[in-house]
Structure formats: C-alpha cells, structure tokens
C-alpha cells in the first residue's frame, strides 16, 4: 500500500534523486505487492512483518538499504558483492546513488527484497534488534478504552512492544480529534479480534 507521505518526500527531493527513489519504491511493491510504506526517522521505510528496507535523498546522492543486510549477504551468496558496496562508497547500507545508472540490476534488487521479506516472515532478525526500545506508554484515552474491553486489553498486553507501538503511533499521528476517535474505535475492535495494526498486509 502506498503512502501519500512518501509521494511528498519524493516530490520534495532533488531532481536527480526523484527517479532513483521512484525506482526503488516500484521495485519494493513489485517484489511484495502488500508491502507497506511509512515514514520513520524522517525517511521512507518499507515494512512487511517488520522493516524490510528504507530509502533517502541527500544533497548530492540518494541511497537505499535493508534492515537485515548482514543476513542478506549470507542469503545472496556471490551476488552480495554486487548488491552491497564497499564501506567507503556506502550510505544507509547501500551504495551512494547519483543516477539510475548507479543502481544494481533490477533483478538483483527484486531478489534481495524478496529475501528480506522472507527473513521477516520467518521471524529471523538481525542481531542489532536485541537493543529494543522500551514498551510504548499508552496514551490515557487508549488506557481508558482498553479498561472497558477485556478482550482488547488482553490482546494489547500480550503484544510485543513493537506491536503495541504500531497502534500507539497510529493514534498519536491523528491530527484531528475526530480522526483520533475513529482510529481509537477501530483499534479496540481489531484488538478485540486479536489483530495487529497491519494485519491486512501480513501475507504477501
């Protein structure tokens, strides 16, 4: 599913970077049609059962990378050297891109994306994820709503911090009270049904 915020990010990027970002985005969706877009730490990320990869535009180059790069190097074997550059020419885990000609072949990028999604689905995570953020603090209105629905509360309490954070961030991102109330009502319904925030996109 495409996110309008990513459209905005690409449109505001330098002219040289736009086709690069658009190509990366298109390949992400081609490799996994149900991949989800989001903005984290100010740059576009692609998620499916966790973060698959990200991309960004800088003043003189663009770049994209994968969350599980160390594991992907093993998965790709001899193709890893073609996909991942030497450290001196890398950015965000990928090479510094100044034009479409700098990108690896589409077939290799697609192969890497599919491998990254497969790792996420299988539950394999890079070692750096051991440094997890503390559980998110639920806003008062969510706490109050959970107190009124035992099933929703039970689901929320057994969720991992990352799964809880998806709901909390979604609620906090609402700019208007009416939007927040609609999202809160949906949150309680989905939690009562035992569903994660992104349950619609968990299968590619």
N, C-alpha and C. Protein backbone atom coordinates (compact mmCIF):
# COMPACT_ATOMS: atom_id res chain seq x y z
N UNK A 1 0.85 -1.20 0.00
CA UNK A 1 0.00 0.00 0.00
C UNK A 1 0.88 1.24 0.00
N UNK A 2 0.58 2.15 -0.89
CA UNK A 2 1.37 3.37 -0.98
C UNK A 2 0.87 4.42 0.00
N UNK A 3 1.82 5.23 0.47
CA UNK A 3 1.55 6.24 1.48
C UNK A 3 1.77 7.63 0.85
N UNK A 4 0.77 8.51 0.91
CA UNK A 4 0.93 9.86 0.34
C UNK A 4 2.14 10.61 0.88
N UNK A 5 2.54 10.30 2.11
CA UNK A 5 3.70 10.97 2.70
C UNK A 5 4.97 10.65 1.92
N UNK A 6 5.03 9.46 1.33
CA UNK A 6 6.19 9.09 0.53
C UNK A 6 6.16 9.83 -0.80
N UNK A 7 4.96 10.03 -1.35
CA UNK A 7 4.83 10.86 -2.57
C UNK A 7 5.40 12.25 -2.31
N UNK A 8 5.04 12.81 -1.16
CA UNK A 8 5.51 14.15 -0.80
C UNK A 8 7.02 14.18 -0.64
N UNK A 9 7.56 13.14 0.02
CA UNK A 9 9.01 13.08 0.23
C UNK A 9 9.74 13.06 -1.11
N UNK A 10 9.27 12.24 -2.02
CA UNK A 10 9.92 12.15 -3.34
C UNK A 10 9.82 13.48 -4.08
N UNK A 11 8.63 14.10 -4.04
CA UNK A 11 8.42 15.36 -4.76
C UNK A 11 9.32 16.47 -4.23
N UNK A 12 9.64 16.44 -2.94
CA UNK A 12 10.48 17.49 -2.34
C UNK A 12 11.97 17.20 -2.48
N UNK A 13 12.31 16.03 -2.97
CA UNK A 13 13.73 15.67 -3.11
C UNK A 13 14.33 16.36 -4.34
N UNK A 14 15.64 16.38 -4.40
CA UNK A 14 16.35 16.99 -5.53
C UNK A 14 15.95 16.28 -6.82
N UNK A 15 15.91 17.00 -7.94
CA UNK A 15 15.50 16.39 -9.22
C UNK A 15 16.26 15.11 -9.57
N UNK A 16 17.57 15.07 -9.31
CA UNK A 16 18.34 13.87 -9.67
C UNK A 16 17.90 12.66 -8.86
N UNK A 17 17.38 12.91 -7.62
CA UNK A 17 17.04 11.81 -6.72
C UNK A 17 15.66 11.22 -6.98
N UNK A 18 14.78 12.00 -7.57
CA UNK A 18 13.39 11.54 -7.74
C UNK A 18 13.26 10.24 -8.52
N UNK A 19 13.88 10.12 -9.68
CA UNK A 19 13.75 8.84 -10.41
C UNK A 19 14.35 7.65 -9.67
N UNK A 20 15.40 7.91 -8.89
CA UNK A 20 16.02 6.84 -8.11
C UNK A 20 15.05 6.35 -7.04
N UNK A 21 14.47 7.28 -6.30
CA UNK A 21 13.53 6.93 -5.25
C UNK A 21 12.29 6.24 -5.83
N UNK A 22 11.83 6.75 -6.96
CA UNK A 22 10.66 6.16 -7.60
C UNK A 22 10.95 4.73 -8.04
N UNK A 23 12.16 4.47 -8.54
CA UNK A 23 12.53 3.13 -8.99
C UNK A 23 12.60 2.17 -7.79
N UNK A 24 13.22 2.60 -6.72
CA UNK A 24 13.30 1.76 -5.51
C UNK A 24 11.90 1.43 -5.01
N UNK A 25 11.06 2.45 -4.96
CA UNK A 25 9.69 2.26 -4.48
C UNK A 25 8.94 1.25 -5.36
N UNK A 26 9.05 1.40 -6.66
CA UNK A 26 8.36 0.50 -7.58
C UNK A 26 8.84 -0.94 -7.42
N UNK A 27 10.14 -1.13 -7.23
CA UNK A 27 10.68 -2.47 -7.07
C UNK A 27 10.23 -3.10 -5.75
N UNK A 28 10.11 -2.28 -4.70
CA UNK A 28 9.62 -2.80 -3.43
C UNK A 28 8.21 -3.37 -3.60
N UNK A 29 7.37 -2.65 -4.30
CA UNK A 29 5.99 -3.10 -4.48
C UNK A 29 5.88 -4.25 -5.48
N UNK A 30 6.79 -4.29 -6.43
CA UNK A 30 6.78 -5.40 -7.39
C UNK A 30 7.20 -6.70 -6.70
N UNK A 31 8.19 -6.60 -5.83
CA UNK A 31 8.67 -7.78 -5.12
C UNK A 31 7.66 -8.29 -4.09
N UNK A 32 6.98 -7.35 -3.44
CA UNK A 32 5.99 -7.71 -2.42
C UNK A 32 4.81 -6.75 -2.54
N UNK A 33 3.78 -7.12 -3.29
CA UNK A 33 2.65 -6.21 -3.53
C UNK A 33 1.95 -5.68 -2.29
N UNK A 34 2.07 -6.39 -1.18
CA UNK A 34 1.40 -5.95 0.05
C UNK A 34 2.35 -5.26 1.02
N UNK A 35 3.50 -4.87 0.54
CA UNK A 35 4.43 -4.14 1.40
C UNK A 35 3.82 -2.80 1.80
N UNK A 36 4.14 -2.34 2.97
CA UNK A 36 3.56 -1.09 3.48
C UNK A 36 4.60 0.00 3.58
N UNK A 37 4.21 1.20 3.24
CA UNK A 37 5.10 2.36 3.32
C UNK A 37 4.83 3.17 4.58
N UNK A 38 5.89 3.69 5.14
CA UNK A 38 5.74 4.57 6.29
C UNK A 38 6.94 5.53 6.32
N UNK A 39 6.83 6.57 7.12
CA UNK A 39 7.95 7.49 7.32
C UNK A 39 8.47 7.28 8.73
N UNK A 40 9.73 6.91 8.85
CA UNK A 40 10.37 6.74 10.15
C UNK A 40 11.68 7.51 10.12
N UNK A 41 11.95 8.21 11.21
CA UNK A 41 13.18 8.99 11.31
C UNK A 41 13.35 9.93 10.12
N UNK A 42 12.23 10.38 9.59
CA UNK A 42 12.23 11.38 8.53
C UNK A 42 12.41 10.86 7.12
N UNK A 43 12.54 9.54 6.94
CA UNK A 43 12.74 9.00 5.60
C UNK A 43 11.78 7.83 5.35
N UNK A 44 11.49 7.53 4.09
CA UNK A 44 10.57 6.43 3.77
C UNK A 44 11.13 5.06 4.16
N UNK A 45 10.27 4.24 4.76
CA UNK A 45 10.60 2.86 5.10
C UNK A 45 9.55 1.95 4.47
N UNK A 46 9.96 0.72 4.23
CA UNK A 46 9.06 -0.29 3.67
C UNK A 46 8.99 -1.45 4.65
N UNK A 47 7.76 -1.87 4.98
CA UNK A 47 7.58 -2.86 6.03
C UNK A 47 6.71 -4.04 5.60
N UNK A 48 7.08 -5.18 6.08
CA UNK A 48 6.25 -6.39 5.98
C UNK A 48 6.73 -7.33 7.07
N UNK A 49 5.91 -7.51 8.11
CA UNK A 49 6.31 -8.27 9.30
C UNK A 49 7.59 -7.67 9.89
N UNK A 50 7.70 -6.36 9.86
CA UNK A 50 8.90 -5.68 10.32
C UNK A 50 9.47 -4.85 9.18
N UNK A 51 10.51 -4.12 9.48
CA UNK A 51 11.13 -3.26 8.47
C UNK A 51 11.89 -4.11 7.44
N UNK A 52 11.61 -3.88 6.18
CA UNK A 52 12.32 -4.54 5.09
C UNK A 52 13.50 -3.68 4.65
N UNK A 53 13.23 -2.40 4.39
CA UNK A 53 14.29 -1.51 3.95
C UNK A 53 13.85 -0.07 4.00
N UNK A 54 14.72 0.83 3.58
CA UNK A 54 14.42 2.26 3.57
C UNK A 54 15.15 2.93 2.42
N UNK A 55 14.82 4.18 2.20
CA UNK A 55 15.49 4.95 1.16
C UNK A 55 15.52 6.41 1.59
N UNK A 56 16.44 7.17 1.02
CA UNK A 56 16.55 8.58 1.39
C UNK A 56 17.26 9.36 0.30
N UNK A 57 17.01 10.65 0.28
CA UNK A 57 17.68 11.55 -0.66
C UNK A 57 18.51 12.56 0.14
N UNK A 58 19.71 12.78 -0.30
CA UNK A 58 20.60 13.75 0.33
C UNK A 58 20.94 14.84 -0.69
N UNK A 59 21.81 15.76 -0.33
CA UNK A 59 22.11 16.87 -1.23
C UNK A 59 22.77 16.41 -2.52
N UNK A 60 23.66 15.44 -2.43
CA UNK A 60 24.42 15.04 -3.62
C UNK A 60 24.24 13.58 -4.01
N UNK A 61 23.47 12.84 -3.25
CA UNK A 61 23.23 11.45 -3.60
C UNK A 61 21.96 10.93 -2.94
N UNK A 62 21.50 9.81 -3.44
CA UNK A 62 20.37 9.10 -2.82
C UNK A 62 20.88 7.72 -2.41
N UNK A 63 20.11 7.03 -1.59
CA UNK A 63 20.54 5.72 -1.13
C UNK A 63 19.35 4.91 -0.67
N UNK A 64 19.52 3.60 -0.67
CA UNK A 64 18.52 2.73 -0.05
C UNK A 64 19.26 1.57 0.60
N UNK A 65 18.64 1.01 1.61
CA UNK A 65 19.30 -0.07 2.35
C UNK A 65 18.29 -1.05 2.90
N UNK A 66 18.80 -2.12 3.50
CA UNK A 66 17.96 -3.18 4.04
C UNK A 66 18.26 -3.37 5.52
N UNK A 67 17.20 -3.61 6.27
CA UNK A 67 17.30 -3.74 7.73
C UNK A 67 18.15 -4.95 8.11
N UNK A 68 18.08 -6.00 7.30
CA UNK A 68 18.78 -7.25 7.62
C UNK A 68 19.97 -7.47 6.69
N UNK A 69 20.74 -6.43 6.45
CA UNK A 69 21.81 -6.52 5.45
C UNK A 69 22.80 -7.65 5.75
N UNK A 70 23.21 -7.80 7.02
CA UNK A 70 24.18 -8.83 7.35
C UNK A 70 23.65 -10.22 7.01
N UNK A 71 22.39 -10.45 7.31
CA UNK A 71 21.78 -11.74 7.00
C UNK A 71 21.60 -11.91 5.49
N UNK A 72 21.29 -10.81 4.81
CA UNK A 72 21.08 -10.88 3.36
C UNK A 72 22.37 -11.20 2.61
N UNK A 73 23.49 -10.76 3.13
CA UNK A 73 24.76 -11.08 2.49
C UNK A 73 24.96 -12.59 2.43
N UNK A 74 24.52 -13.27 3.48
CA UNK A 74 24.61 -14.73 3.50
C UNK A 74 23.61 -15.33 2.52
N UNK A 75 22.39 -14.78 2.51
CA UNK A 75 21.34 -15.29 1.64
C UNK A 75 21.70 -15.13 0.16
N UNK A 76 22.33 -14.02 -0.18
CA UNK A 76 22.63 -13.72 -1.59
C UNK A 76 23.86 -14.44 -2.11
N UNK A 77 24.74 -14.85 -1.22
CA UNK A 77 25.94 -15.54 -1.65
C UNK A 77 26.83 -14.67 -2.52
N UNK A 78 27.20 -15.17 -3.70
CA UNK A 78 28.11 -14.45 -4.58
C UNK A 78 27.53 -13.14 -5.10
N UNK A 79 26.20 -13.01 -5.08
CA UNK A 79 25.56 -11.77 -5.54
C UNK A 79 25.66 -10.65 -4.52
N UNK A 80 26.05 -10.96 -3.30
CA UNK A 80 26.11 -9.95 -2.24
C UNK A 80 27.05 -8.80 -2.59
N UNK A 81 28.18 -9.13 -3.20
CA UNK A 81 29.16 -8.09 -3.56
C UNK A 81 28.60 -7.14 -4.60
N UNK A 82 27.70 -7.62 -5.45
CA UNK A 82 27.08 -6.77 -6.46
C UNK A 82 26.01 -5.87 -5.86
N UNK A 83 25.39 -6.37 -4.79
CA UNK A 83 24.29 -5.62 -4.17
C UNK A 83 24.79 -4.61 -3.15
N UNK A 84 25.75 -5.03 -2.35
CA UNK A 84 26.24 -4.18 -1.26
C UNK A 84 27.67 -3.75 -1.54
N UNK A 85 27.92 -2.46 -1.59
CA UNK A 85 29.24 -1.93 -1.95
C UNK A 85 30.23 -1.96 -0.79
N UNK A 86 31.43 -1.53 -1.09
CA UNK A 86 32.44 -1.41 -0.05
C UNK A 86 32.05 -0.27 0.88
N UNK A 87 32.49 -0.30 2.14
CA UNK A 87 32.09 0.71 3.13
C UNK A 87 32.36 2.15 2.70
N UNK A 88 33.45 2.37 1.96
CA UNK A 88 33.79 3.75 1.61
C UNK A 88 32.82 4.37 0.60
N UNK A 89 32.03 3.55 -0.04
CA UNK A 89 31.08 4.08 -1.02
C UNK A 89 29.66 3.66 -0.65
N UNK A 90 29.40 3.64 0.65
CA UNK A 90 28.08 3.18 1.09
C UNK A 90 27.36 4.26 1.88
N UNK A 91 26.06 4.15 1.90
CA UNK A 91 25.20 5.05 2.65
C UNK A 91 23.92 4.30 2.96
N UNK A 92 23.53 4.26 4.24
CA UNK A 92 22.33 3.54 4.66
C UNK A 92 22.40 2.06 4.28
N UNK A 93 23.59 1.50 4.19
CA UNK A 93 23.72 0.10 3.85
C UNK A 93 23.76 -0.17 2.36
N UNK A 94 23.64 0.88 1.55
CA UNK A 94 23.67 0.69 0.09
C UNK A 94 24.62 1.70 -0.52
N UNK A 95 24.88 1.53 -1.81
CA UNK A 95 25.82 2.45 -2.47
C UNK A 95 25.22 3.84 -2.64
N UNK A 96 26.08 4.83 -2.75
CA UNK A 96 25.63 6.20 -2.99
C UNK A 96 25.21 6.30 -4.44
N UNK A 97 23.97 6.70 -4.66
CA UNK A 97 23.40 6.73 -6.00
C UNK A 97 23.23 8.17 -6.47
N UNK A 98 23.80 8.46 -7.63
CA UNK A 98 23.68 9.80 -8.19
C UNK A 98 22.87 9.81 -9.47
N UNK A 99 22.58 8.62 -9.98
CA UNK A 99 21.72 8.47 -11.16
C UNK A 99 21.22 7.03 -11.19
N UNK A 100 20.26 6.75 -12.07
CA UNK A 100 19.74 5.39 -12.19
C UNK A 100 20.83 4.41 -12.64
N UNK A 101 21.83 4.91 -13.33
CA UNK A 101 22.91 4.04 -13.80
C UNK A 101 23.73 3.47 -12.66
N UNK A 102 23.67 4.11 -11.49
CA UNK A 102 24.44 3.64 -10.34
C UNK A 102 23.75 2.49 -9.60
N UNK A 103 22.50 2.22 -9.94
CA UNK A 103 21.75 1.20 -9.23
C UNK A 103 22.13 -0.21 -9.68
N UNK A 104 22.06 -1.19 -8.77
CA UNK A 104 22.27 -2.59 -9.17
C UNK A 104 21.17 -3.00 -10.15
N UNK A 105 21.30 -4.11 -10.85
CA UNK A 105 20.27 -4.56 -11.77
C UNK A 105 18.93 -4.78 -11.04
N UNK A 106 17.84 -4.48 -11.72
CA UNK A 106 16.52 -4.64 -11.11
C UNK A 106 16.30 -6.06 -10.60
N UNK A 107 16.74 -7.04 -11.37
CA UNK A 107 16.54 -8.44 -10.98
C UNK A 107 17.21 -8.75 -9.65
N UNK A 108 18.39 -8.17 -9.42
CA UNK A 108 19.11 -8.40 -8.18
C UNK A 108 18.41 -7.69 -7.02
N UNK A 109 17.93 -6.48 -7.26
CA UNK A 109 17.21 -5.76 -6.21
C UNK A 109 15.94 -6.51 -5.82
N UNK A 110 15.22 -7.00 -6.82
CA UNK A 110 14.00 -7.77 -6.55
C UNK A 110 14.32 -9.03 -5.73
N UNK A 111 15.38 -9.69 -6.09
CA UNK A 111 15.80 -10.89 -5.37
C UNK A 111 16.11 -10.56 -3.91
N UNK A 112 16.78 -9.43 -3.70
CA UNK A 112 17.15 -9.02 -2.35
C UNK A 112 15.93 -8.66 -1.52
N UNK A 113 15.00 -7.93 -2.13
CA UNK A 113 13.77 -7.55 -1.42
C UNK A 113 13.00 -8.79 -0.99
N UNK A 114 12.85 -9.74 -1.92
CA UNK A 114 12.12 -10.96 -1.60
C UNK A 114 12.81 -11.74 -0.48
N UNK A 115 14.12 -11.76 -0.49
CA UNK A 115 14.86 -12.44 0.57
C UNK A 115 14.66 -11.74 1.90
N UNK A 116 14.64 -10.40 1.88
CA UNK A 116 14.44 -9.64 3.11
C UNK A 116 13.04 -9.88 3.68
N UNK A 117 12.04 -9.92 2.82
CA UNK A 117 10.67 -10.19 3.26
C UNK A 117 10.59 -11.60 3.85
N UNK A 118 11.23 -12.56 3.19
CA UNK A 118 11.20 -13.95 3.67
C UNK A 118 11.84 -14.07 5.06
N UNK A 119 12.91 -13.34 5.28
CA UNK A 119 13.54 -13.34 6.60
C UNK A 119 12.59 -12.81 7.66
N UNK A 120 11.90 -11.71 7.34
CA UNK A 120 10.95 -11.14 8.29
C UNK A 120 9.82 -12.11 8.59
N UNK A 121 9.26 -12.70 7.55
CA UNK A 121 8.14 -13.62 7.73
C UNK A 121 8.54 -14.83 8.57
N UNK A 122 9.77 -15.29 8.38
CA UNK A 122 10.25 -16.45 9.13
C UNK A 122 10.60 -16.11 10.57
N UNK A 123 10.64 -14.82 10.87
CA UNK A 123 10.95 -14.40 12.24
C UNK A 123 12.42 -14.19 12.51
N UNK A 124 13.26 -14.34 11.50
CA UNK A 124 14.70 -14.13 11.66
C UNK A 124 14.99 -12.64 11.70
N UNK A 125 15.73 -12.20 12.68
CA UNK A 125 16.03 -10.78 12.84
C UNK A 125 17.53 -10.57 12.98
N UNK A 126 18.04 -9.43 12.52
CA UNK A 126 19.46 -9.13 12.71
C UNK A 126 19.76 -8.94 14.18
N UNK A 127 20.99 -9.19 14.55
CA UNK A 127 21.38 -9.17 15.97
C UNK A 127 21.18 -7.80 16.60
N UNK A 128 21.25 -6.72 15.82
CA UNK A 128 21.12 -5.39 16.41
C UNK A 128 19.74 -5.16 17.01
N UNK A 129 18.75 -5.97 16.61
CA UNK A 129 17.42 -5.78 17.15
C UNK A 129 17.31 -6.22 18.60
N UNK A 130 18.40 -6.76 19.14
CA UNK A 130 18.41 -7.08 20.56
C UNK A 130 18.29 -5.81 21.40
N UNK A 131 18.72 -4.70 20.84
CA UNK A 131 18.60 -3.42 21.52
C UNK A 131 17.22 -2.84 21.23
N UNK A 132 16.24 -3.31 21.94
CA UNK A 132 14.88 -2.90 21.67
C UNK A 132 14.47 -1.69 22.50
N UNK A 133 13.57 -0.94 21.94
CA UNK A 133 13.04 0.20 22.66
C UNK A 133 12.15 -0.29 23.79
N UNK A 134 12.02 0.48 24.86
CA UNK A 134 11.11 0.08 25.93
C UNK A 134 9.67 0.11 25.43
N UNK A 135 8.78 -0.62 26.08
CA UNK A 135 7.38 -0.62 25.65
C UNK A 135 6.83 0.80 25.59
N UNK A 136 6.04 1.13 24.58
CA UNK A 136 5.49 2.49 24.47
C UNK A 136 4.48 2.75 25.58
N UNK A 137 4.41 3.98 25.98
CA UNK A 137 3.44 4.37 27.00
C UNK A 137 2.11 4.67 26.32
N UNK A 138 1.10 3.91 26.66
CA UNK A 138 -0.21 4.10 26.04
C UNK A 138 -0.81 5.43 26.47
N UNK A 139 -1.35 6.22 25.56
CA UNK A 139 -1.97 7.49 25.92
C UNK A 139 -3.21 7.23 26.79
N UNK A 140 -3.59 8.19 27.63
CA UNK A 140 -4.70 8.00 28.57
C UNK A 140 -6.00 7.53 27.90
N UNK A 141 -6.31 8.07 26.72
CA UNK A 141 -7.57 7.68 26.06
C UNK A 141 -7.55 6.22 25.62
N UNK A 142 -6.36 5.68 25.29
CA UNK A 142 -6.27 4.27 24.94
C UNK A 142 -6.39 3.42 26.20
N UNK A 143 -5.75 3.84 27.26
CA UNK A 143 -5.85 3.11 28.53
C UNK A 143 -7.31 3.01 28.97
N UNK A 144 -8.04 4.13 28.87
CA UNK A 144 -9.44 4.15 29.28
C UNK A 144 -10.29 3.22 28.41
N UNK A 145 -10.01 3.22 27.10
CA UNK A 145 -10.78 2.37 26.19
C UNK A 145 -10.48 0.89 26.43
N UNK A 146 -9.23 0.57 26.71
CA UNK A 146 -8.85 -0.81 26.99
C UNK A 146 -9.48 -1.31 28.28
N UNK A 147 -9.63 -0.42 29.24
CA UNK A 147 -10.22 -0.80 30.53
C UNK A 147 -11.67 -1.25 30.37
N UNK A 148 -12.31 -0.81 29.29
CA UNK A 148 -13.72 -1.13 29.06
C UNK A 148 -13.91 -2.37 28.18
N UNK A 149 -12.81 -2.92 27.66
CA UNK A 149 -12.91 -4.07 26.76
C UNK A 149 -11.84 -5.10 27.13
N UNK A 150 -12.25 -6.17 27.80
CA UNK A 150 -11.31 -7.16 28.32
C UNK A 150 -10.54 -7.87 27.20
N UNK A 151 -11.22 -8.20 26.10
CA UNK A 151 -10.56 -8.90 25.01
C UNK A 151 -9.49 -8.04 24.37
N UNK A 152 -9.84 -6.77 24.14
CA UNK A 152 -8.87 -5.85 23.55
C UNK A 152 -7.67 -5.67 24.48
N UNK A 153 -7.96 -5.52 25.75
CA UNK A 153 -6.88 -5.33 26.74
C UNK A 153 -5.96 -6.55 26.79
N UNK A 154 -6.55 -7.75 26.74
CA UNK A 154 -5.74 -8.97 26.80
C UNK A 154 -4.82 -9.08 25.58
N UNK A 155 -5.33 -8.72 24.41
CA UNK A 155 -4.51 -8.75 23.19
C UNK A 155 -3.37 -7.75 23.29
N UNK A 156 -3.70 -6.54 23.72
CA UNK A 156 -2.68 -5.49 23.82
C UNK A 156 -1.58 -5.89 24.80
N UNK A 157 -1.96 -6.51 25.91
CA UNK A 157 -0.98 -6.86 26.94
C UNK A 157 -0.05 -7.98 26.50
N UNK A 158 -0.51 -8.85 25.60
CA UNK A 158 0.37 -9.94 25.16
C UNK A 158 1.18 -9.56 23.91
N UNK A 159 0.87 -8.41 23.33
CA UNK A 159 1.63 -7.94 22.17
C UNK A 159 3.05 -7.58 22.58
N UNK A 160 3.96 -7.67 21.61
CA UNK A 160 5.33 -7.21 21.82
C UNK A 160 5.34 -5.68 21.86
N UNK A 161 6.41 -5.07 22.39
CA UNK A 161 6.49 -3.60 22.37
C UNK A 161 6.32 -3.02 20.97
N UNK A 162 6.90 -3.69 19.96
CA UNK A 162 6.80 -3.19 18.59
C UNK A 162 5.36 -3.23 18.10
N UNK A 163 4.64 -4.28 18.43
CA UNK A 163 3.25 -4.40 18.01
C UNK A 163 2.37 -3.37 18.71
N UNK A 164 2.66 -3.10 19.97
CA UNK A 164 1.91 -2.07 20.69
C UNK A 164 2.19 -0.69 20.08
N UNK A 165 3.47 -0.48 19.76
CA UNK A 165 3.89 0.83 19.25
C UNK A 165 3.19 1.16 17.93
N UNK A 166 2.89 0.15 17.12
CA UNK A 166 2.20 0.41 15.85
C UNK A 166 0.84 1.06 16.10
N UNK A 167 0.13 0.58 17.10
CA UNK A 167 -1.17 1.17 17.43
C UNK A 167 -1.01 2.55 18.07
N UNK A 168 -0.09 2.65 19.01
CA UNK A 168 0.12 3.92 19.72
C UNK A 168 0.53 5.02 18.74
N UNK A 169 1.47 4.71 17.85
CA UNK A 169 1.92 5.71 16.88
C UNK A 169 0.79 6.12 15.94
N UNK A 170 -0.01 5.14 15.53
CA UNK A 170 -1.14 5.41 14.64
C UNK A 170 -2.13 6.37 15.29
N UNK A 171 -2.39 6.16 16.55
CA UNK A 171 -3.32 7.03 17.28
C UNK A 171 -2.72 8.43 17.46
N UNK A 172 -1.45 8.49 17.83
CA UNK A 172 -0.82 9.78 18.08
C UNK A 172 -0.61 10.60 16.81
N UNK A 173 -0.55 9.92 15.68
CA UNK A 173 -0.35 10.62 14.41
C UNK A 173 -1.62 11.31 13.91
N UNK A 174 -2.75 11.01 14.53
CA UNK A 174 -4.01 11.65 14.14
C UNK A 174 -3.94 13.15 14.43
N UNK A 175 -4.20 13.96 13.44
CA UNK A 175 -4.09 15.41 13.60
C UNK A 175 -5.35 16.05 14.16
N UNK A 176 -6.48 15.39 14.00
CA UNK A 176 -7.74 15.95 14.48
C UNK A 176 -8.39 14.99 15.47
N UNK A 177 -9.14 15.55 16.41
CA UNK A 177 -9.78 14.73 17.44
C UNK A 177 -10.72 13.70 16.81
N UNK A 178 -11.44 14.10 15.78
CA UNK A 178 -12.39 13.18 15.15
C UNK A 178 -11.66 11.99 14.53
N UNK A 179 -10.52 12.28 13.91
CA UNK A 179 -9.72 11.20 13.32
C UNK A 179 -9.21 10.26 14.40
N UNK A 180 -8.75 10.85 15.48
CA UNK A 180 -8.23 10.03 16.59
C UNK A 180 -9.34 9.15 17.16
N UNK A 181 -10.55 9.68 17.31
CA UNK A 181 -11.65 8.90 17.86
C UNK A 181 -12.01 7.74 16.94
N UNK A 182 -11.99 7.98 15.63
CA UNK A 182 -12.28 6.89 14.69
C UNK A 182 -11.21 5.81 14.77
N UNK A 183 -9.96 6.24 14.86
CA UNK A 183 -8.87 5.28 14.94
C UNK A 183 -8.92 4.51 16.26
N UNK A 184 -9.30 5.20 17.32
CA UNK A 184 -9.40 4.53 18.62
C UNK A 184 -10.48 3.46 18.59
N UNK A 185 -11.61 3.77 17.98
CA UNK A 185 -12.70 2.79 17.88
C UNK A 185 -12.25 1.58 17.07
N UNK A 186 -11.54 1.84 15.96
CA UNK A 186 -11.03 0.75 15.14
C UNK A 186 -10.00 -0.07 15.88
N UNK A 187 -9.14 0.61 16.64
CA UNK A 187 -8.12 -0.07 17.43
C UNK A 187 -8.73 -1.07 18.40
N UNK A 188 -9.75 -0.66 19.09
CA UNK A 188 -10.39 -1.54 20.08
C UNK A 188 -11.05 -2.73 19.39
N UNK A 189 -11.67 -2.50 18.25
CA UNK A 189 -12.30 -3.60 17.50
C UNK A 189 -11.25 -4.60 17.05
N UNK A 190 -10.17 -4.10 16.47
CA UNK A 190 -9.13 -5.00 15.96
C UNK A 190 -8.43 -5.74 17.09
N UNK A 191 -8.16 -5.05 18.18
CA UNK A 191 -7.52 -5.71 19.32
C UNK A 191 -8.42 -6.79 19.90
N UNK A 192 -9.70 -6.50 19.98
CA UNK A 192 -10.65 -7.49 20.49
C UNK A 192 -10.69 -8.73 19.61
N UNK A 193 -10.37 -8.56 18.34
CA UNK A 193 -10.33 -9.68 17.39
C UNK A 193 -8.94 -10.32 17.33
N UNK A 194 -8.02 -9.80 18.16
CA UNK A 194 -6.67 -10.36 18.21
C UNK A 194 -5.78 -9.95 17.07
N UNK A 195 -6.09 -8.83 16.42
CA UNK A 195 -5.38 -8.42 15.22
C UNK A 195 -4.28 -7.39 15.51
N UNK A 196 -3.19 -7.49 14.77
CA UNK A 196 -2.16 -6.47 14.79
C UNK A 196 -2.62 -5.27 13.98
N UNK A 197 -1.95 -4.16 14.15
CA UNK A 197 -2.31 -2.93 13.45
C UNK A 197 -2.29 -3.14 11.93
N UNK A 198 -1.28 -3.84 11.44
CA UNK A 198 -1.13 -4.02 9.99
C UNK A 198 -1.55 -5.41 9.54
N UNK A 199 -2.58 -5.95 10.15
CA UNK A 199 -2.99 -7.33 9.87
C UNK A 199 -3.37 -7.55 8.41
N UNK A 200 -3.81 -6.50 7.72
CA UNK A 200 -4.22 -6.66 6.33
C UNK A 200 -3.06 -6.97 5.39
N UNK A 201 -1.84 -6.63 5.83
CA UNK A 201 -0.69 -6.73 4.94
C UNK A 201 0.33 -7.76 5.42
N UNK A 202 -0.09 -8.70 6.23
CA UNK A 202 0.86 -9.65 6.80
C UNK A 202 1.21 -10.79 5.85
N UNK A 203 0.47 -10.94 4.79
CA UNK A 203 0.75 -12.01 3.83
C UNK A 203 1.03 -11.43 2.46
N UNK A 204 2.14 -11.82 1.88
CA UNK A 204 2.46 -11.39 0.51
C UNK A 204 2.01 -12.47 -0.45
